Amino acid sequence: MTDHSTYEFLRHLADSWGLLAMMLLWIGFALWAFRPSAKHRHHEAANMIFKDENDG
C-alpha cells in the first residue's frame, strides 16, 4: 500500500464510518442528557445559584 492509497483509505473511512460514529455519539449524549431520571439533577443545578450557603 502506498502513502497515497493509505490516505485515500483513511479519508474514505473517516467520511463514512467516522460520520456515522459521531452522529451516534451525539444522539447518545443527547438522550443521556434529556433522560427523565435526570430531571431532578438538572433542576438542582439550575437553581444552585439561588441557594444560600446556609441552606441545607
PDB file of N, CA and C in Angstrom:
ATOM      1  N   MET A   1       0.835  -1.184   0.000  1.00  0.00           N
ATOM      2  CA  MET A   1       0.000   0.000   0.000  1.00  0.00           C
ATOM      3  C   MET A   1       0.880   1.249   0.000  1.00  0.00           C
ATOM      4  N   THR A   2       0.659   2.133  -0.915  1.00  0.00           N
ATOM      5  CA  THR A   2       1.452   3.362  -0.953  1.00  0.00           C
ATOM      6  C   THR A   2       0.837   4.400  -0.035  1.00  0.00           C
ATOM      7  N   ASP A   3       1.570   5.470   0.159  1.00  0.00           N
ATOM      8  CA  ASP A   3       1.076   6.535   1.034  1.00  0.00           C
ATOM      9  C   ASP A   3      -0.219   7.128   0.504  1.00  0.00           C
ATOM     10  N   HIS A   4      -0.305   7.271  -0.817  1.00  0.00           N
ATOM     11  CA  HIS A   4      -1.500   7.857  -1.408  1.00  0.00           C
ATOM     12  C   HIS A   4      -2.716   6.975  -1.176  1.00  0.00           C
ATOM     13  N   SER A   5      -2.583   5.684  -1.350  1.00  0.00           N
ATOM     14  CA  SER A   5      -3.733   4.801  -1.160  1.00  0.00           C
ATOM     15  C   SER A   5      -4.103   4.679   0.323  1.00  0.00           C
ATOM     16  N   THR A   6      -3.120   4.765   1.198  1.00  0.00           N
ATOM     17  CA  THR A   6      -3.407   4.762   2.633  1.00  0.00           C
ATOM     18  C   THR A   6      -4.206   5.998   3.007  1.00  0.00           C
ATOM     19  N   TYR A   7      -3.805   7.140   2.483  1.00  0.00           N
ATOM     20  CA  TYR A   7      -4.528   8.378   2.728  1.00  0.00           C
ATOM     21  C   TYR A   7      -5.956   8.288   2.211  1.00  0.00           C
ATOM     22  N   GLU A   8      -6.122   7.778   1.005  1.00  0.00           N
ATOM     23  CA  GLU A   8      -7.462   7.653   0.423  1.00  0.00           C
ATOM     24  C   GLU A   8      -8.322   6.705   1.251  1.00  0.00           C
ATOM     25  N   PHE A   9      -7.728   5.609   1.706  1.00  0.00           N
ATOM     26  CA  PHE A   9      -8.472   4.662   2.536  1.00  0.00           C
ATOM     27  C   PHE A   9      -8.914   5.310   3.842  1.00  0.00           C
ATOM     28  N   LEU A  10      -7.994   5.991   4.516  1.00  0.00           N
ATOM     29  CA  LEU A  10      -8.335   6.629   5.785  1.00  0.00           C
ATOM     30  C   LEU A  10      -9.351   7.752   5.600  1.00  0.00           C
ATOM     31  N   ARG A  11      -9.231   8.476   4.508  1.00  0.00           N
ATOM     32  CA  ARG A  11     -10.200   9.540   4.227  1.00  0.00           C
ATOM     33  C   ARG A  11     -11.583   8.949   3.991  1.00  0.00           C
ATOM     34  N   HIS A  12     -11.667   7.895   3.224  1.00  0.00           N
ATOM     35  CA  HIS A  12     -12.945   7.236   2.980  1.00  0.00           C
ATOM     36  C   HIS A  12     -13.522   6.700   4.291  1.00  0.00           C
ATOM     37  N   LEU A  13     -12.682   6.098   5.122  1.00  0.00           N
ATOM     38  CA  LEU A  13     -13.122   5.572   6.407  1.00  0.00           C
ATOM     39  C   LEU A  13     -13.679   6.685   7.288  1.00  0.00           C
ATOM     40  N   ALA A  14     -12.992   7.817   7.347  1.00  0.00           N
ATOM     41  CA  ALA A  14     -13.450   8.935   8.161  1.00  0.00           C
ATOM     42  C   ALA A  14     -14.726   9.545   7.599  1.00  0.00           C
ATOM     43  N   ASP A  15     -14.829   9.622   6.274  1.00  0.00           N
ATOM     44  CA  ASP A  15     -16.020  10.195   5.659  1.00  0.00           C
ATOM     45  C   ASP A  15     -17.254   9.349   5.902  1.00  0.00           C
ATOM     46  N   SER A  16     -17.120   8.054   5.933  1.00  0.00           N
ATOM     47  CA  SER A  16     -18.287   7.189   6.073  1.00  0.00           C
ATOM     48  C   SER A  16     -18.511   6.776   7.525  1.00  0.00           C
ATOM     49  N   TRP A  17     -17.617   5.978   8.058  1.00  0.00           N
ATOM     50  CA  TRP A  17     -17.807   5.434   9.401  1.00  0.00           C
ATOM     51  C   TRP A  17     -17.562   6.474  10.487  1.00  0.00           C
ATOM     52  N   GLY A  18     -16.670   7.424  10.231  1.00  0.00           N
ATOM     53  CA  GLY A  18     -16.426   8.482  11.210  1.00  0.00           C
ATOM     54  C   GLY A  18     -17.649   9.350  11.404  1.00  0.00           C
ATOM     55  N   LEU A  19     -18.305   9.690  10.304  1.00  0.00           N
ATOM     56  CA  LEU A  19     -19.530  10.489  10.387  1.00  0.00           C
ATOM     57  C   LEU A  19     -20.624   9.725  11.117  1.00  0.00           C
ATOM     58  N   LEU A  20     -20.762   8.462  10.818  1.00  0.00           N
ATOM     59  CA  LEU A  20     -21.755   7.635  11.492  1.00  0.00           C
ATOM     60  C   LEU A  20     -21.464   7.540  12.993  1.00  0.00           C
ATOM     61  N   ALA A  21     -20.206   7.342  13.345  1.00  0.00           N
ATOM     62  CA  ALA A  21     -19.830   7.241  14.766  1.00  0.00           C
ATOM     63  C   ALA A  21     -20.101   8.546  15.499  1.00  0.00           C
ATOM     64  N   MET A  22     -19.756   9.680  14.894  1.00  0.00           N
ATOM     65  CA  MET A  22     -20.013  10.974  15.542  1.00  0.00           C
ATOM     66  C   MET A  22     -21.508  11.228  15.708  1.00  0.00           C
ATOM     67  N   MET A  23     -22.294  10.842  14.709  1.00  0.00           N
ATOM     68  CA  MET A  23     -23.732  11.037  14.795  1.00  0.00           C
ATOM     69  C   MET A  23     -24.327  10.170  15.907  1.00  0.00           C
ATOM     70  N   LEU A  24     -23.882   8.925  16.001  1.00  0.00           N
ATOM     71  CA  LEU A  24     -24.385   8.049  17.055  1.00  0.00           C
ATOM     72  C   LEU A  24     -23.973   8.542  18.445  1.00  0.00           C
ATOM     73  N   LEU A  25     -22.758   9.042  18.570  1.00  0.00           N
ATOM     74  CA  LEU A  25     -22.324   9.609  19.852  1.00  0.00           C
ATOM     75  C   LEU A  25     -23.164  10.826  20.227  1.00  0.00           C
ATOM     76  N   TRP A  26     -23.436  11.700  19.255  1.00  0.00           N
ATOM     77  CA  TRP A  26     -24.244  12.892  19.520  1.00  0.00           C
ATOM     78  C   TRP A  26     -25.642  12.505  19.980  1.00  0.00           C
ATOM     79  N   ILE A  27     -26.246  11.541  19.302  1.00  0.00           N
ATOM     80  CA  ILE A  27     -27.579  11.086  19.692  1.00  0.00           C
ATOM     81  C   ILE A  27     -27.545  10.460  21.086  1.00  0.00           C
ATOM     82  N   GLY A  28     -26.515   9.681  21.359  1.00  0.00           N
ATOM     83  CA  GLY A  28     -26.369   9.075  22.680  1.00  0.00           C
ATOM     84  C   GLY A  28     -26.219  10.105  23.785  1.00  0.00           C
ATOM     85  N   PHE A  29     -25.393  11.112  23.554  1.00  0.00           N
ATOM     86  CA  PHE A  29     -25.215  12.167  24.562  1.00  0.00           C
ATOM     87  C   PHE A  29     -26.498  12.962  24.763  1.00  0.00           C
ATOM     88  N   ALA A  30     -27.219  13.244  23.684  1.00  0.00           N
ATOM     89  CA  ALA A  30     -28.477  13.986  23.797  1.00  0.00           C
ATOM     90  C   ALA A  30     -29.503  13.172  24.580  1.00  0.00           C
ATOM     91  N   LEU A  31     -29.612  11.886  24.278  1.00  0.00           N
ATOM     92  CA  LEU A  31     -30.553  11.049  25.020  1.00  0.00           C
ATOM     93  C   LEU A  31     -30.161  10.943  26.488  1.00  0.00           C
ATOM     94  N   TRP A  32     -28.872  10.867  26.757  1.00  0.00           N
ATOM     95  CA  TRP A  32     -28.391  10.778  28.146  1.00  0.00           C
ATOM     96  C   TRP A  32     -28.717  12.068  28.914  1.00  0.00           C
ATOM     97  N   ALA A  33     -28.530  13.214  28.277  1.00  0.00           N
ATOM     98  CA  ALA A  33     -28.775  14.489  28.954  1.00  0.00           C
ATOM     99  C   ALA A  33     -30.257  14.730  29.202  1.00  0.00           C
ATOM    100  N   PHE A  34     -31.113  14.284  28.300  1.00  0.00           N
ATOM    101  CA  PHE A  34     -32.539  14.566  28.418  1.00  0.00           C
ATOM    102  C   PHE A  34     -33.353  13.379  28.924  1.00  0.00           C
ATOM    103  N   ARG A  35     -32.690  12.426  29.563  1.00  0.00           N
ATOM    104  CA  ARG A  35     -33.426  11.281  30.093  1.00  0.00           C
ATOM    105  C   ARG A  35     -34.287  11.738  31.281  1.00  0.00           C
ATOM    106  N   PRO A  36     -35.460  11.152  31.454  1.00  0.00           N
ATOM    107  CA  PRO A  36     -36.365  11.585  32.514  1.00  0.00           C
ATOM    108  C   PRO A  36     -35.782  11.451  33.924  1.00  0.00           C
ATOM    109  N   SER A  37     -34.937  10.464  34.151  1.00  0.00           N
ATOM    110  CA  SER A  37     -34.404  10.278  35.507  1.00  0.00           C
ATOM    111  C   SER A  37     -33.410  11.359  35.909  1.00  0.00           C
ATOM    112  N   ALA A  38     -32.961  12.200  34.978  1.00  0.00           N
ATOM    113  CA  ALA A  38     -32.014  13.264  35.299  1.00  0.00           C
ATOM    114  C   ALA A  38     -32.705  14.588  35.602  1.00  0.00           C
ATOM    115  N   LYS A  39     -34.026  14.613  35.571  1.00  0.00           N
ATOM    116  CA  LYS A  39     -34.768  15.865  35.756  1.00  0.00           C
ATOM    117  C   LYS A  39     -34.442  16.522  37.100  1.00  0.00           C
ATOM    118  N   HIS A  40     -34.418  15.742  38.154  1.00  0.00           N
ATOM    119  CA  HIS A  40     -34.138  16.296  39.483  1.00  0.00           C
ATOM    120  C   HIS A  40     -32.726  16.894  39.542  1.00  0.00           C
ATOM    121  N   ARG A  41     -31.771  16.206  38.975  1.00  0.00           N
ATOM    122  CA  ARG A  41     -30.386  16.677  38.990  1.00  0.00           C
ATOM    123  C   ARG A  41     -30.232  17.976  38.202  1.00  0.00           C
ATOM    124  N   HIS A  42     -30.911  18.071  37.049  1.00  0.00           N
ATOM    125  CA  HIS A  42     -30.863  19.297  36.251  1.00  0.00           C
ATOM    126  C   HIS A  42     -31.557  20.452  36.975  1.00  0.00           C
ATOM    127  N   HIS A  43     -32.649  20.156  37.651  1.00  0.00           N
ATOM    128  CA  HIS A  43     -33.361  21.192  38.410  1.00  0.00           C
ATOM    129  C   HIS A  43     -32.480  21.722  39.548  1.00  0.00           C
ATOM    130  N   GLU A  44     -31.799  20.823  40.229  1.00  0.00           N
ATOM    131  CA  GLU A  44     -30.879  21.252  41.300  1.00  0.00           C
ATOM    132  C   GLU A  44     -29.756  22.130  40.755  1.00  0.00           C
ATOM    133  N   ALA A  45     -29.176  21.738  39.640  1.00  0.00           N
ATOM    134  CA  ALA A  45     -28.076  22.501  39.051  1.00  0.00           C
ATOM    135  C   ALA A  45     -28.547  23.873  38.584  1.00  0.00           C
ATOM    136  N   ALA A  46     -29.745  23.945  38.040  1.00  0.00           N
ATOM    137  CA  ALA A  46     -30.264  25.221  37.542  1.00  0.00           C
ATOM    138  C   ALA A  46     -30.555  26.193  38.673  1.00  0.00           C
ATOM    139  N   ASN A  47     -30.942  25.692  39.838  1.00  0.00           N
ATOM    140  CA  ASN A  47     -31.313  26.566  40.958  1.00  0.00           C
ATOM    141  C   ASN A  47     -30.219  26.702  42.004  1.00  0.00           C
ATOM    142  N   MET A  48     -29.056  26.129  41.765  1.00  0.00           N
ATOM    143  CA  MET A  48     -27.977  26.156  42.732  1.00  0.00           C
ATOM    144  C   MET A  48     -27.505  27.579  43.044  1.00  0.00           C
ATOM    145  N   ILE A  49     -27.527  28.463  42.061  1.00  0.00           N
ATOM    146  CA  ILE A  49     -27.026  29.823  42.291  1.00  0.00           C
ATOM    147  C   ILE A  49     -27.961  30.630  43.173  1.00  0.00           C
ATOM    148  N   PHE A  50     -29.201  30.196  43.330  1.00  0.00           N
ATOM    149  CA  PHE A  50     -30.155  30.913  44.163  1.00  0.00           C
ATOM    150  C   PHE A  50     -30.164  30.413  45.595  1.00  0.00           C
ATOM    151  N   LYS A  51     -29.404  29.374  45.869  1.00  0.00           N
ATOM    152  CA  LYS A  51     -29.379  28.765  47.195  1.00  0.00           C
ATOM    153  C   LYS A  51     -28.396  29.530  48.072  1.00  0.00           C
ATOM    154  N   ASP A  52     -28.826  29.827  49.284  1.00  0.00           N
ATOM    155  CA  ASP A  52     -27.951  30.499  50.241  1.00  0.00           C
ATOM    156  C   ASP A  52     -26.956  29.476  50.791  1.00  0.00           C
ATOM    157  N   GLU A  53     -25.764  29.935  51.138  1.00  0.00           N
ATOM    158  CA  GLU A  53     -24.760  28.992  51.618  1.00  0.00           C
ATOM    159  C   GLU A  53     -25.163  28.349  52.937  1.00  0.00           C
ATOM    160  N   ASN A  54     -26.068  28.957  53.706  1.00  0.00           N
ATOM    161  CA  ASN A  54     -26.521  28.367  54.963  1.00  0.00           C
ATOM    162  C   ASN A  54     -27.690  27.424  54.782  1.00  0.00           C
ATOM    163  N   ASP A  55     -28.263  27.366  53.585  1.00  0.00           N
ATOM    164  CA  ASP A  55     -29.340  26.413  53.340  1.00  0.00           C
ATOM    165  C   ASP A  55     -28.749  25.013  53.250  1.00  0.00           C
ATOM    166  N   GLY A  56     -29.488  24.022  53.639  1.00  0.00           N
ATOM    167  CA  GLY A  56     -29.022  22.645  53.646  1.00  0.00           C
ATOM    168  C   GLY A  56     -28.626  22.187  52.346  1.00  0.00           C
TER     169      GLY A  56
END
